[in-house]
N, C-alpha and C. Protein backbone atom coordinates (compact mmCIF):
# COMPACT_ATOMS: atom_id res chain seq x y z
N MET A 1 16.81 7.42 -23.75
CA MET A 1 17.55 6.71 -22.01
C MET A 1 16.71 5.49 -22.24
N SER A 2 17.21 4.31 -22.70
CA SER A 2 16.71 2.97 -22.08
C SER A 2 16.04 2.89 -20.98
N LYS A 3 15.17 2.09 -20.92
CA LYS A 3 14.95 1.34 -19.38
C LYS A 3 16.03 0.81 -18.32
N GLN A 4 16.58 -0.02 -19.18
CA GLN A 4 17.57 -0.35 -18.13
C GLN A 4 18.22 0.25 -17.54
N SER A 5 18.55 1.64 -18.25
CA SER A 5 19.76 2.47 -17.95
C SER A 5 18.72 3.58 -16.76
N MET A 6 17.68 3.38 -17.10
CA MET A 6 16.86 4.73 -16.37
C MET A 6 16.64 3.64 -14.29
N ARG A 7 16.72 2.50 -15.06
CA ARG A 7 16.97 1.40 -13.61
C ARG A 7 17.98 1.78 -13.03
N GLU A 8 18.89 1.49 -13.54
CA GLU A 8 20.25 1.26 -13.09
C GLU A 8 20.69 3.16 -12.43
N GLU A 9 20.74 3.95 -13.42
CA GLU A 9 20.17 5.81 -12.46
C GLU A 9 19.75 5.59 -11.51
N ALA A 10 18.47 4.89 -11.37
CA ALA A 10 17.85 5.18 -10.35
C ALA A 10 18.30 4.66 -8.89
N GLU A 11 18.76 3.32 -9.13
CA GLU A 11 19.55 2.25 -8.42
C GLU A 11 21.18 2.70 -7.30
N ARG A 12 21.33 3.70 -8.48
CA ARG A 12 22.32 4.71 -8.09
C ARG A 12 22.55 5.71 -7.41
N LEU A 13 21.05 6.27 -7.40
CA LEU A 13 20.82 7.46 -6.95
C LEU A 13 20.46 7.26 -5.19
N ILE A 14 19.55 5.96 -5.85
CA ILE A 14 19.22 5.47 -3.88
C ILE A 14 19.92 4.87 -3.27
N ARG A 15 21.49 4.43 -4.04
CA ARG A 15 22.51 3.77 -2.98
C ARG A 15 23.50 5.05 -2.55
N GLU A 16 23.77 6.26 -3.03
CA GLU A 16 24.45 7.11 -3.18
C GLU A 16 23.06 7.85 -1.78
N THR A 17 22.47 8.24 -1.95
CA THR A 17 21.32 9.13 -0.68
C THR A 17 21.52 8.39 0.25
N MET A 18 21.10 6.96 0.06
CA MET A 18 21.63 6.01 1.57
C MET A 18 23.01 6.04 2.28
N GLU A 19 23.87 6.06 1.23
CA GLU A 19 24.79 6.29 1.98
C GLU A 19 25.31 7.80 2.70
N LYS A 20 24.47 8.74 2.24
CA LYS A 20 24.74 10.17 2.77
C LYS A 20 23.60 10.31 4.21
N ARG A 21 22.75 8.92 4.26
CA ARG A 21 21.87 8.75 5.40
C ARG A 21 20.93 10.05 5.75
N ASN A 22 20.54 10.54 4.04
CA ASN A 22 19.59 11.11 3.97
C ASN A 22 17.97 11.05 4.41
N LEU A 23 18.30 9.49 3.46
CA LEU A 23 16.86 8.63 3.10
C LEU A 23 16.46 7.38 4.01
N VAL A 24 15.64 7.78 4.67
CA VAL A 24 15.14 6.70 5.89
C VAL A 24 13.78 5.88 5.27
N VAL A 25 14.25 4.75 5.70
CA VAL A 25 13.31 4.04 4.72
C VAL A 25 12.20 3.34 5.65
N LYS A 26 10.59 3.78 5.91
CA LYS A 26 9.42 3.78 7.01
C LYS A 26 9.02 2.60 6.52
N HIS A 27 8.41 1.34 7.02
CA HIS A 27 7.39 0.34 6.84
C HIS A 27 6.13 1.10 7.47
N GLY A 28 4.98 1.37 6.75
CA GLY A 28 3.58 1.94 7.08
C GLY A 28 2.41 1.02 7.28
N ALA A 29 1.36 0.97 7.84
CA ALA A 29 0.26 0.84 7.09
C ALA A 29 -0.27 0.40 5.57
N THR A 30 -0.82 -0.04 5.00
CA THR A 30 -1.33 -0.55 4.07
C THR A 30 -2.50 0.04 3.51
N ARG A 31 -2.81 0.33 2.86
CA ARG A 31 -4.13 1.04 2.11
C ARG A 31 -4.62 -0.60 0.75
N ILE A 32 -5.99 -0.75 1.91
CA ILE A 32 -6.51 -1.83 0.62
C ILE A 32 -7.73 -0.99 0.26
N GLU A 33 -8.52 -1.15 -0.92
CA GLU A 33 -9.64 -0.80 -1.78
C GLU A 33 -10.55 -1.86 -1.87
N ALA A 34 -11.16 -2.16 -1.13
CA ALA A 34 -12.29 -3.44 -0.65
C ALA A 34 -13.64 -3.28 -1.83
N VAL A 35 -14.52 -3.99 -1.70
CA VAL A 35 -15.74 -3.56 -2.75
C VAL A 35 -17.04 -4.44 -1.64
N CYS A 36 -17.62 -3.58 -1.39
CA CYS A 36 -18.61 -4.40 -0.79
C CYS A 36 -18.95 -5.55 -1.30
N GLY A 37 -19.38 -6.62 -0.91
CA GLY A 37 -20.20 -8.08 -0.94
C GLY A 37 -21.48 -8.05 -1.17
N LYS A 38 -22.30 -7.12 -0.43
CA LYS A 38 -23.38 -6.66 -0.49
C LYS A 38 -23.94 -5.80 -1.50
N CYS A 39 -23.41 -4.86 -1.33
CA CYS A 39 -23.74 -3.57 -2.19
C CYS A 39 -23.12 -3.11 -3.55
N GLY A 40 -21.86 -3.79 -3.63
CA GLY A 40 -20.92 -3.08 -4.42
C GLY A 40 -20.32 -1.83 -4.54
N ALA A 41 -20.54 -1.28 -3.12
CA ALA A 41 -19.47 0.10 -3.20
C ALA A 41 -18.31 0.20 -2.63
N PRO A 42 -17.30 1.21 -3.14
CA PRO A 42 -16.06 0.89 -2.33
C PRO A 42 -15.47 1.43 -1.07
N ASN A 43 -14.69 0.80 -0.53
CA ASN A 43 -14.30 1.04 0.69
C ASN A 43 -13.05 1.08 0.68
N ARG A 44 -12.18 2.28 1.25
CA ARG A 44 -11.11 1.94 1.45
C ARG A 44 -10.81 1.98 3.25
N LEU A 45 -9.38 1.38 3.73
CA LEU A 45 -9.28 0.76 4.64
C LEU A 45 -7.61 0.63 4.77
N GLN A 46 -7.44 0.62 5.87
CA GLN A 46 -5.91 0.88 6.53
C GLN A 46 -5.65 -0.88 7.22
N ALA A 47 -4.48 -1.60 6.81
CA ALA A 47 -4.33 -3.01 7.42
C ALA A 47 -3.09 -2.45 7.92
N ASP A 48 -2.92 -2.98 8.81
CA ASP A 48 -0.95 -2.75 9.76
C ASP A 48 -0.14 -3.42 9.30
N ARG A 49 0.59 -3.34 9.22
CA ARG A 49 1.38 -3.76 8.44
C ARG A 49 1.89 -5.53 8.88
N GLY A 50 1.65 -6.53 7.95
CA GLY A 50 1.98 -8.34 8.30
C GLY A 50 0.47 -8.66 8.72
N GLU A 51 -0.64 -7.72 8.39
CA GLU A 51 -1.76 -8.23 8.75
C GLU A 51 -2.75 -8.63 6.87
N THR A 52 -3.51 -9.66 7.00
CA THR A 52 -3.32 -10.03 5.77
C THR A 52 -5.35 -9.67 5.55
N ARG A 53 -5.92 -9.98 6.48
CA ARG A 53 -7.47 -9.86 6.34
C ARG A 53 -7.56 -8.87 7.63
N VAL A 54 -8.39 -8.09 7.01
CA VAL A 54 -9.21 -6.87 7.65
C VAL A 54 -10.19 -7.14 7.97
N LYS A 55 -11.40 -6.89 9.08
CA LYS A 55 -12.68 -6.86 9.59
C LYS A 55 -12.97 -5.37 9.10
N TYR A 56 -13.95 -5.25 8.65
CA TYR A 56 -14.90 -3.43 8.19
C TYR A 56 -16.16 -3.33 7.92
N VAL A 57 -16.82 -2.32 8.35
CA VAL A 57 -18.67 -2.66 7.80
C VAL A 57 -18.40 -1.53 6.79
N CYS A 58 -18.99 -1.54 5.81
CA CYS A 58 -19.04 -1.09 4.53
C CYS A 58 -20.05 0.19 5.12
N LYS A 59 -19.41 1.33 4.32
CA LYS A 59 -19.69 2.88 4.17
C LYS A 59 -21.35 3.35 4.30
N GLN A 60 -21.90 2.42 2.96
CA GLN A 60 -23.05 2.67 2.33
C GLN A 60 -24.18 1.77 3.24
N CYS A 61 -23.71 0.16 3.02
CA CYS A 61 -25.12 -0.12 3.73
C CYS A 61 -24.87 -0.77 5.05
N GLY A 62 -23.61 -0.56 5.71
CA GLY A 62 -23.03 -1.37 6.97
C GLY A 62 -23.06 -2.76 7.25
N HIS A 63 -22.91 -3.27 6.00
CA HIS A 63 -22.77 -4.76 6.04
C HIS A 63 -21.23 -4.56 6.62
N LYS A 64 -21.45 -6.16 7.80
CA LYS A 64 -20.17 -6.35 8.07
C LYS A 64 -19.31 -7.69 7.42
N GLN A 65 -18.33 -7.36 7.39
CA GLN A 65 -17.39 -8.11 6.73
C GLN A 65 -15.74 -8.38 6.80
N GLU A 66 -14.97 -9.25 6.05
CA GLU A 66 -13.49 -9.07 5.76
C GLU A 66 -13.02 -9.40 4.92
N THR A 67 -11.96 -8.93 4.41
CA THR A 67 -11.47 -8.23 3.89
C THR A 67 -10.52 -9.69 2.59
N LEU A 68 -10.25 -9.95 1.47
CA LEU A 68 -9.63 -11.39 1.39
C LEU A 68 -8.21 -11.08 1.29
């Protein structure tokens, strides 16, 4: 199966499911993987829908910062 035929098959299945009303599309919070600017530790944050910059405190060193 080529990529194009797989895409068409997926679109067809989604269309059929939406016609049956079995599929509900929900918009939720976005998960951001941020790296601390001070110690370099990874931090996992959640941003509400439409929010681009999130203030957070590093879990390792406690440094207050804002995501990009």
